[in-house]
C-alpha atoms as a PDB file:
ATOM      1  CA  MET A   1     -43.891 188.204 -12.315  1.00  0.00           C
ATOM      2  CA  GLU A   2     -40.169 189.162 -11.467  1.00  0.00           C
ATOM      3  CA  LEU A   3     -38.713 186.414  -9.641  1.00  0.00           C
ATOM      4  CA  VAL A   4     -34.944 186.862 -10.215  1.00  0.00           C
ATOM      5  CA  TYR A   5     -34.370 190.670 -10.771  1.00  0.00           C
ATOM      6  CA  PRO A   6     -35.567 192.038  -7.287  1.00  0.00           C
ATOM      7  CA  PRO A   7     -33.426 189.672  -5.259  1.00  0.00           C
ATOM      8  CA  VAL A   8     -30.442 190.437  -7.480  1.00  0.00           C
ATOM      9  CA  VAL A   9     -31.037 194.271  -6.931  1.00  0.00           C
ATOM     10  CA  ALA A  10     -31.377 193.736  -3.192  1.00  0.00           C
ATOM     11  CA  LEU A  11     -27.951 191.680  -3.078  1.00  0.00           C
ATOM     12  CA  ALA A  12     -26.241 194.406  -5.063  1.00  0.00           C
ATOM     13  CA  LYS A  13     -27.517 197.103  -2.713  1.00  0.00           C
ATOM     14  CA  THR A  14     -26.215 194.884   0.315  1.00  0.00           C
ATOM     15  CA  MET A  15     -22.824 194.697  -1.205  1.00  0.00           C
ATOM     16  CA  PHE A  16     -22.731 198.574  -1.916  1.00  0.00           C
ATOM     17  CA  ARG A  17     -23.432 199.178   1.634  1.00  0.00           C
ATOM     18  CA  ALA A  18     -20.802 196.504   2.872  1.00  0.00           C
ATOM     19  CA  LEU A  19     -18.220 198.305   0.793  1.00  0.00           C
ATOM     20  CA  ASP A  20     -19.436 201.705   1.836  1.00  0.00           C
ATOM     21  CA  LEU A  21     -19.524 202.919  -1.817  1.00  0.00           C
ATOM     22  CA  LYS A  22     -20.516 206.520  -1.894  1.00  0.00           C
ATOM     23  CA  ILE A  23     -23.221 206.560  -4.646  1.00  0.00           C
ATOM     24  CA  GLU A  24     -24.809 209.704  -5.894  1.00  0.00           C
ATOM     25  CA  VAL A  25     -27.625 209.698  -8.434  1.00  0.00           C
ATOM     26  CA  GLU A  26     -28.597 212.974 -10.140  1.00  0.00           C
ATOM     27  CA  GLY A  27     -31.338 213.396 -12.695  1.00  0.00           C
ATOM     28  CA  HIS A  28     -33.457 210.239 -12.038  1.00  0.00           C
ATOM     29  CA  GLU A  29     -36.629 212.320 -12.745  1.00  0.00           C
ATOM     30  CA  HIS A  30     -35.778 212.134 -16.369  1.00  0.00           C
ATOM     31  CA  ILE A  31     -36.441 208.273 -16.470  1.00  0.00           C
ATOM     32  CA  PRO A  32     -40.190 207.982 -16.922  1.00  0.00           C
ATOM     33  CA  THR A  33     -42.039 205.946 -14.430  1.00  0.00           C
ATOM     34  CA  THR A  34     -44.109 204.273 -17.012  1.00  0.00           C
ATOM     35  CA  GLY A  35     -43.677 203.368 -20.671  1.00  0.00           C
ATOM     36  CA  GLY A  36     -40.706 202.389 -22.842  1.00  0.00           C
ATOM     37  CA  ALA A  37     -37.351 204.329 -22.974  1.00  0.00           C
ATOM     38  CA  VAL A  38     -33.810 203.710 -24.190  1.00  0.00           C
ATOM     39  CA  LEU A  39     -31.154 204.316 -21.551  1.00  0.00           C
ATOM     40  CA  ALA A  40     -27.867 204.989 -23.245  1.00  0.00           C
ATOM     41  CA  SER A  41     -24.717 205.181 -21.220  1.00  0.00           C
ATOM     42  CA  ASN A  42     -20.990 205.635 -21.476  1.00  0.00           C
ATOM     43  CA  HIS A  43     -18.919 202.515 -20.868  1.00  0.00           C
ATOM     44  CA  SER A  44     -15.628 202.639 -18.711  1.00  0.00           C
ATOM     45  CA  SER A  45     -16.310 199.426 -16.505  1.00  0.00           C
ATOM     46  CA  TYR A  46     -17.383 195.991 -16.506  1.00  0.00           C
ATOM     47  CA  LEU A  47     -19.752 197.031 -13.640  1.00  0.00           C
ATOM     48  CA  ASP A  48     -21.413 199.829 -15.496  1.00  0.00           C
ATOM     49  CA  PHE A  49     -24.683 197.867 -16.054  1.00  0.00           C
ATOM     50  CA  ILE A  50     -25.207 197.413 -12.383  1.00  0.00           C
ATOM     51  CA  PHE A  51     -24.823 201.171 -11.649  1.00  0.00           C
ATOM     52  CA  CYS A  52     -26.895 202.067 -14.687  1.00  0.00           C
ATOM     53  CA  GLY A  53     -29.720 199.921 -13.374  1.00  0.00           C
ATOM     54  CA  LEU A  54     -29.266 201.439  -9.939  1.00  0.00           C
ATOM     55  CA  GLY A  55     -29.788 204.975 -11.512  1.00  0.00           C
ATOM     56  CA  ALA A  56     -33.342 203.813 -12.513  1.00  0.00           C
ATOM     57  CA  GLN A  57     -34.235 202.530  -9.092  1.00  0.00           C
ATOM     58  CA  PRO A  58     -35.786 205.904  -7.886  1.00  0.00           C
ATOM     59  CA  SER A  59     -38.204 205.755 -10.833  1.00  0.00           C
ATOM     60  CA  LYS A  60     -38.882 202.087  -9.808  1.00  0.00           C
ATOM     61  CA  ARG A  61     -37.782 200.775 -13.128  1.00  0.00           C
ATOM     62  CA  LEU A  62     -35.997 197.453 -13.997  1.00  0.00           C
ATOM     63  CA  VAL A  63     -33.603 198.031 -16.943  1.00  0.00           C
ATOM     64  CA  ARG A  64     -33.255 195.250 -19.597  1.00  0.00           C
ATOM     65  CA  PHE A  65     -29.717 195.547 -20.766  1.00  0.00           C
ATOM     66  CA  MET A  66     -28.325 194.482 -24.119  1.00  0.00           C
ATOM     67  CA  ALA A  67     -25.228 192.340 -23.639  1.00  0.00           C
ATOM     68  CA  LYS A  68     -23.004 190.166 -25.734  1.00  0.00           C
ATOM     69  CA  LYS A  69     -24.140 186.558 -26.101  1.00  0.00           C
ATOM     70  CA  ALA A  70     -21.168 185.151 -24.343  1.00  0.00           C
ATOM     71  CA  VAL A  71     -22.338 186.419 -21.044  1.00  0.00           C
ATOM     72  CA  PHE A  72     -25.539 184.402 -21.559  1.00  0.00           C
ATOM     73  CA  ASP A  73     -23.656 181.352 -22.495  1.00  0.00           C
ATOM     74  CA  HIS A  74     -21.704 181.379 -19.130  1.00  0.00           C
ATOM     75  CA  LYS A  75     -22.928 178.690 -16.684  1.00  0.00           C
ATOM     76  CA  ILE A  76     -23.210 181.193 -13.920  1.00  0.00           C
ATOM     77  CA  SER A  77     -24.197 184.511 -15.371  1.00  0.00           C
ATOM     78  CA  GLY A  78     -26.302 183.026 -18.142  1.00  0.00           C
ATOM     79  CA  PRO A  79     -29.197 181.831 -15.965  1.00  0.00           C
ATOM     80  CA  LEU A  80     -29.128 185.260 -14.064  1.00  0.00           C
ATOM     81  CA  MET A  81     -29.184 187.191 -17.281  1.00  0.00           C
ATOM     82  CA  ARG A  82     -32.089 185.299 -18.722  1.00  0.00           C
ATOM     83  CA  GLY A  83     -33.972 185.380 -15.423  1.00  0.00           C
ATOM     84  CA  MET A  84     -33.701 189.212 -15.464  1.00  0.00           C
ATOM     85  CA  ARG A  85     -34.819 189.140 -19.160  1.00  0.00           C
ATOM     86  CA  HIS A  86     -31.743 190.961 -20.331  1.00  0.00           C
ATOM     87  CA  ILE A  87     -31.306 190.914 -24.221  1.00  0.00           C
ATOM     88  CA  PRO A  88     -28.505 188.771 -25.757  1.00  0.00           C
ATOM     89  CA  VAL A  89     -26.472 190.343 -28.777  1.00  0.00           C
ATOM     90  CA  ASP A  90     -24.932 188.056 -31.339  1.00  0.00           C
ATOM     91  CA  ARG A  91     -22.797 190.435 -33.311  1.00  0.00           C
ATOM     92  CA  ARG A  92     -23.077 187.944 -36.214  1.00  0.00           C
ATOM     93  CA  ALA A  93     -26.748 188.368 -36.279  1.00  0.00           C
ATOM     94  CA  GLY A  94     -27.527 191.643 -34.563  1.00  0.00           C
ATOM     95  CA  ILE A  95     -30.878 192.200 -36.178  1.00  0.00           C
ATOM     96  CA  GLY A  96     -32.479 189.613 -33.910  1.00  0.00           C
ATOM     97  CA  ALA A  97     -31.347 191.530 -30.859  1.00  0.00           C
ATOM     98  CA  PHE A  98     -32.562 194.756 -32.444  1.00  0.00           C
ATOM     99  CA  HIS A  99     -36.069 193.329 -32.903  1.00  0.00           C
ATOM    100  CA  GLU A 100     -36.124 191.859 -29.413  1.00  0.00           C
ATOM    101  CA  ALA A 101     -35.168 195.233 -27.953  1.00  0.00           C
ATOM    102  CA  THR A 102     -37.719 197.173 -30.037  1.00  0.00           C
ATOM    103  CA  THR A 103     -40.485 194.722 -28.907  1.00  0.00           C
ATOM    104  CA  ALA A 104     -39.601 195.180 -25.257  1.00  0.00           C
ATOM    105  CA  LEU A 105     -39.592 198.967 -25.699  1.00  0.00           C
ATOM    106  CA  GLU A 106     -42.987 198.868 -27.340  1.00  0.00           C
ATOM    107  CA  ARG A 107     -44.428 196.852 -24.447  1.00  0.00           C
ATOM    108  CA  GLY A 108     -43.129 199.605 -22.116  1.00  0.00           C
ATOM    109  CA  GLU A 109     -39.774 198.290 -20.914  1.00  0.00           C
ATOM    110  CA  VAL A 110     -36.530 200.401 -20.312  1.00  0.00           C
ATOM    111  CA  VAL A 111     -33.760 199.037 -22.424  1.00  0.00           C
ATOM    112  CA  GLY A 112     -30.126 199.822 -21.470  1.00  0.00           C
ATOM    113  CA  VAL A 113     -27.549 200.270 -24.171  1.00  0.00           C
ATOM    114  CA  PHE A 114     -23.830 200.998 -24.236  1.00  0.00           C
ATOM    115  CA  PRO A 115     -23.568 202.605 -27.642  1.00  0.00           C
ATOM    116  CA  GLU A 116     -19.830 202.628 -27.622  1.00  0.00           C
ATOM    117  CA  ALA A 117     -20.133 198.869 -27.877  1.00  0.00           C
ATOM    118  CA  THR A 118     -16.993 198.270 -25.834  1.00  0.00           C
ATOM    119  CA  ILE A 119     -15.176 199.795 -22.908  1.00  0.00           C
ATOM    120  CA  SER A 120     -13.443 203.128 -23.537  1.00  0.00           C
ATOM    121  CA  GLU A 121      -9.834 202.856 -22.233  1.00  0.00           C
ATOM    122  CA  SER A 122      -9.369 206.571 -22.643  1.00  0.00           C
ATOM    123  CA  PHE A 123     -12.312 207.101 -20.260  1.00  0.00           C
ATOM    124  CA  THR A 124     -13.819 209.646 -22.773  1.00  0.00           C
ATOM    125  CA  VAL A 125     -16.825 208.853 -25.168  1.00  0.00           C
ATOM    126  CA  LYS A 126     -15.726 206.780 -28.128  1.00  0.00           C
ATOM    127  CA  GLY A 127     -17.461 206.789 -31.589  1.00  0.00           C
ATOM    128  CA  LEU A 128     -20.927 205.509 -31.083  1.00  0.00           C
ATOM    129  CA  LYS A 129     -23.121 202.966 -32.990  1.00  0.00           C
ATOM    130  CA  THR A 130     -26.444 204.131 -34.186  1.00  0.00           C
ATOM    131  CA  GLY A 131     -28.485 201.256 -32.654  1.00  0.00           C
ATOM    132  CA  ALA A 132     -29.799 203.296 -29.686  1.00  0.00           C
ATOM    133  CA  ALA A 133     -31.027 206.100 -31.912  1.00  0.00           C
ATOM    134  CA  ARG A 134     -32.710 203.558 -34.321  1.00  0.00           C
ATOM    135  CA  MET A 135     -34.433 201.808 -31.580  1.00  0.00           C
ATOM    136  CA  ALA A 136     -35.796 204.782 -29.937  1.00  0.00           C
ATOM    137  CA  GLN A 137     -37.009 205.995 -33.374  1.00  0.00           C
ATOM    138  CA  GLU A 138     -38.620 202.532 -34.147  1.00  0.00           C
ATOM    139  CA  ALA A 139     -40.332 202.269 -30.945  1.00  0.00           C
ATOM    140  CA  ARG A 140     -41.085 205.954 -30.583  1.00  0.00           C
ATOM    141  CA  VAL A 141     -39.828 206.234 -27.081  1.00  0.00           C
ATOM    142  CA  PRO A 142     -37.426 208.673 -25.180  1.00  0.00           C
ATOM    143  CA  LEU A 143     -33.705 208.415 -25.733  1.00  0.00           C
ATOM    144  CA  ILE A 144     -32.142 209.278 -22.437  1.00  0.00           C
ATOM    145  CA  PRO A 145     -28.338 209.767 -22.006  1.00  0.00           C
ATOM    146  CA  MET A 146     -26.551 208.988 -18.807  1.00  0.00           C
ATOM    147  CA  ALA A 147     -22.906 208.978 -17.456  1.00  0.00           C
ATOM    148  CA  VAL A 148     -21.423 206.594 -14.833  1.00  0.00           C
ATOM    149  CA  TRP A 149     -18.020 207.460 -13.222  1.00  0.00           C
ATOM    150  CA  GLY A 150     -16.264 205.513 -10.548  1.00  0.00           C
ATOM    151  CA  PRO A 151     -16.847 201.857 -10.999  1.00  0.00           C
ATOM    152  CA  HIS A 152     -13.803 201.707 -13.373  1.00  0.00           C
ATOM    153  CA  ARG A 153     -11.685 201.870 -10.307  1.00  0.00           C
ATOM    154  CA  LEU A 154     -12.976 198.552  -9.200  1.00  0.00           C
ATOM    155  CA  TRP A 155     -12.906 196.692 -12.557  1.00  0.00           C
ATOM    156  CA  THR A 156     -12.123 197.847 -16.121  1.00  0.00           C
ATOM    157  CA  LYS A 157     -10.268 196.655 -19.133  1.00  0.00           C
ATOM    158  CA  GLY A 158      -6.603 195.887 -18.742  1.00  0.00           C
ATOM    159  CA  ARG A 159      -6.590 196.403 -15.018  1.00  0.00           C
ATOM    160  CA  LYS A 160      -6.677 193.866 -12.112  1.00  0.00           C
ATOM    161  CA  LYS A 161     -10.120 193.910 -10.623  1.00  0.00           C
ATOM    162  CA  GLU A 162     -10.545 195.045  -7.054  1.00  0.00           C
ATOM    163  CA  LEU A 163     -14.132 194.294  -6.237  1.00  0.00           C
ATOM    164  CA  THR A 164     -13.588 194.523  -2.469  1.00  0.00           C
ATOM    165  CA  LYS A 165     -12.213 197.957  -2.655  1.00  0.00           C
ATOM    166  CA  ARG A 166     -13.999 200.223  -0.070  1.00  0.00           C
ATOM    167  CA  HIS A 167     -15.320 203.879  -0.062  1.00  0.00           C
ATOM    168  CA  VAL A 168     -15.078 204.453  -3.704  1.00  0.00           C
ATOM    169  CA  PRO A 169     -17.367 207.269  -4.886  1.00  0.00           C
ATOM    170  CA  VAL A 170     -19.698 206.432  -7.817  1.00  0.00           C
ATOM    171  CA  LEU A 171     -21.374 209.314  -9.526  1.00  0.00           C
ATOM    172  CA  ILE A 172     -24.504 208.723 -11.839  1.00  0.00           C
ATOM    173  CA  LYS A 173     -25.723 211.548 -13.797  1.00  0.00           C
ATOM    174  CA  ILE A 174     -28.872 211.218 -16.036  1.00  0.00           C
ATOM    175  CA  GLY A 175     -29.808 213.771 -18.702  1.00  0.00           C
ATOM    176  CA  GLU A 176     -32.988 215.075 -20.353  1.00  0.00           C
ATOM    177  CA  ALA A 177     -34.360 212.917 -23.076  1.00  0.00           C
ATOM    178  CA  ILE A 178     -32.908 213.809 -26.472  1.00  0.00           C
ATOM    179  CA  HIS A 179     -35.507 215.243 -28.891  1.00  0.00           C
ATOM    180  CA  LEU A 180     -35.994 213.058 -31.946  1.00  0.00           C
ATOM    181  CA  PRO A 181     -37.110 215.334 -34.795  1.00  0.00           C
ATOM    182  CA  GLU A 182     -39.471 213.701 -37.352  1.00  0.00           C
ATOM    183  CA  GLY A 183     -37.398 212.540 -40.253  1.00  0.00           C
ATOM    184  CA  ALA A 184     -33.957 213.011 -38.509  1.00  0.00           C
ATOM    185  CA  SER A 185     -31.467 210.377 -39.484  1.00  0.00           C
ATOM    186  CA  PRO A 186     -30.152 207.947 -36.893  1.00  0.00           C
ATOM    187  CA  GLU A 187     -26.642 209.329 -37.679  1.00  0.00           C
ATOM    188  CA  ALA A 188     -27.579 212.806 -36.858  1.00  0.00           C
ATOM    189  CA  ILE A 189     -29.340 211.702 -33.597  1.00  0.00           C
ATOM    190  CA  THR A 190     -26.238 209.779 -32.642  1.00  0.00           C
ATOM    191  CA  VAL A 191     -24.055 212.840 -33.083  1.00  0.00           C
ATOM    192  CA  THR A 192     -26.311 214.546 -30.545  1.00  0.00           C
ATOM    193  CA  LEU A 193     -26.150 211.630 -28.156  1.00  0.00           C
ATOM    194  CA  LYS A 194     -22.354 211.619 -28.197  1.00  0.00           C
ATOM    195  CA  GLN A 195     -22.424 215.361 -27.450  1.00  0.00           C
ATOM    196  CA  ARG A 196     -24.722 214.938 -24.513  1.00  0.00           C
ATOM    197  CA  LEU A 197     -22.952 211.800 -23.220  1.00  0.00           C
ATOM    198  CA  SER A 198     -19.537 213.621 -23.372  1.00  0.00           C
ATOM    199  CA  SER A 199     -20.997 216.720 -21.524  1.00  0.00           C
ATOM    200  CA  LEU A 200     -22.586 214.558 -18.831  1.00  0.00           C
ATOM    201  CA  LEU A 201     -19.241 212.489 -18.460  1.00  0.00           C
ATOM    202  CA  ASP A 202     -17.179 215.533 -18.242  1.00  0.00           C
ATOM    203  CA  ALA A 203     -19.610 216.864 -15.551  1.00  0.00           C
ATOM    204  CA  VAL A 204     -19.198 213.880 -13.259  1.00  0.00           C
ATOM    205  CA  GLN A 205     -15.433 213.667 -13.869  1.00  0.00           C
ATOM    206  CA  ARG A 206     -14.941 217.193 -12.752  1.00  0.00           C
ATOM    207  CA  ALA A 207     -17.368 216.795  -9.821  1.00  0.00           C
ATOM    208  CA  TYR A 208     -15.720 213.631  -8.544  1.00  0.00           C
ATOM    209  CA  PRO A 209     -14.801 214.088  -4.944  1.00  0.00           C
ATOM    210  CA  GLU A 210     -11.527 212.194  -4.930  1.00  0.00           C
ATOM    211  CA  LYS A 211      -8.169 212.785  -6.690  1.00  0.00           C
ATOM    212  CA  PRO A 212      -5.524 210.119  -7.405  1.00  0.00           C
ATOM    213  CA  ALA A 213      -3.331 209.351  -4.233  1.00  0.00           C
ATOM    214  CA  ASN A 214      -0.162 209.463  -6.146  1.00  0.00           C
ATOM    215  CA  ASP A 215       1.438 209.336  -9.719  1.00  0.00           C
ATOM    216  CA  ASP A 216       0.756 205.504  -9.992  1.00  0.00           C
ATOM    217  CA  ASP A 217      -2.865 206.047  -9.082  1.00  0.00           C
ATOM    218  CA  ARG A 218      -3.528 208.652 -11.937  1.00  0.00           C
ATOM    219  CA  TRP A 219      -4.402 205.645 -14.327  1.00  0.00           C
ATOM    220  CA  TRP A 220      -8.094 206.117 -13.627  1.00  0.00           C
ATOM    221  CA  LEU A 221      -8.223 209.653 -14.868  1.00  0.00           C
ATOM    222  CA  PRO A 222      -8.442 210.542 -18.610  1.00  0.00           C
ATOM    223  CA  ALA A 223      -5.389 212.444 -20.001  1.00  0.00           C
ATOM    224  CA  HIS A 224      -7.158 215.643 -20.391  1.00  0.00           C
ATOM    225  CA  LEU A 225      -7.759 215.858 -16.696  1.00  0.00           C
ATOM    226  CA  GLY A 226      -4.084 215.044 -15.794  1.00  0.00           C
ATOM    227  CA  GLY A 227      -4.373 211.237 -15.904  1.00  0.00           C
ATOM    228  CA  THR A 228      -2.456 208.620 -17.607  1.00  0.00           C
ATOM    229  CA  ALA A 229      -5.196 206.849 -19.309  1.00  0.00           C
ATOM    230  CA  PRO A 230      -4.402 206.390 -23.039  1.00  0.00           C
ATOM    231  CA  LEU A 231      -5.299 209.180 -25.417  1.00  0.00           C
ATOM    232  CA  PRO A 232      -8.534 208.689 -27.366  1.00  0.00           C
ATOM    233  CA  GLN A 233      -8.003 206.874 -30.744  1.00  0.00           C
ATOM    234  CA  PRO A 234      -9.371 208.708 -33.797  1.00  0.00           C
ATOM    235  CA  ALA A 235     -13.192 207.923 -34.055  1.00  0.00           C
ATOM    236  CA  ALA A 236     -14.304 205.342 -36.490  1.00  0.00           C
ATOM    237  CA  ALA A 237     -17.080 206.120 -38.844  1.00  0.00           C
ATOM    238  CA  VAL A 238     -20.391 205.718 -37.307  1.00  0.00           C
END
């Protein structure tokens, strides 16, 4: 029985309404209404997991997110994260989190992953870890890409958080599940995942209904769209 997650979702929706965030979800039909699935998203904001979870709401799914162990150790966020049955990741012992996530997938849960592993300050898709592909293969469940754009204007790395900022558009675009060919390597699947994430992210960035108000406001756009976000760093080996 879910005692913590539904009230948290209700509170988040109330806050979204109070701030009049203009949230659009496209492609929610790609998230299965039953059975396990890996939901893999880009990562540009500390709030991304909230909006990724919102993208699964039309399918009536609660997403179990993988998050760094420090969040679970915090005296406020820790009890909430454990109550919502999210999955702690200790980077010194990642195999435990992998097994916990795979077990959740096999019992029919949706597991949320940010395969970039950290926020992309360039607001483009960084090099990805192979964990999302390996989990989907191990549990034999769909690997579903999604892009979220807009929450970084409220709170992102290296910028002052503005959690009370009103009327910010948030676009959430969910793509079709990635085909997992028999015998394909996790590295090959991860290459496809990066291509799909990049395409989805570019689509929501170009469809975004607002533009920077002035030159100082161009920080939230990637460089290739005329913004002043840092250029992408050369991709590390997968």
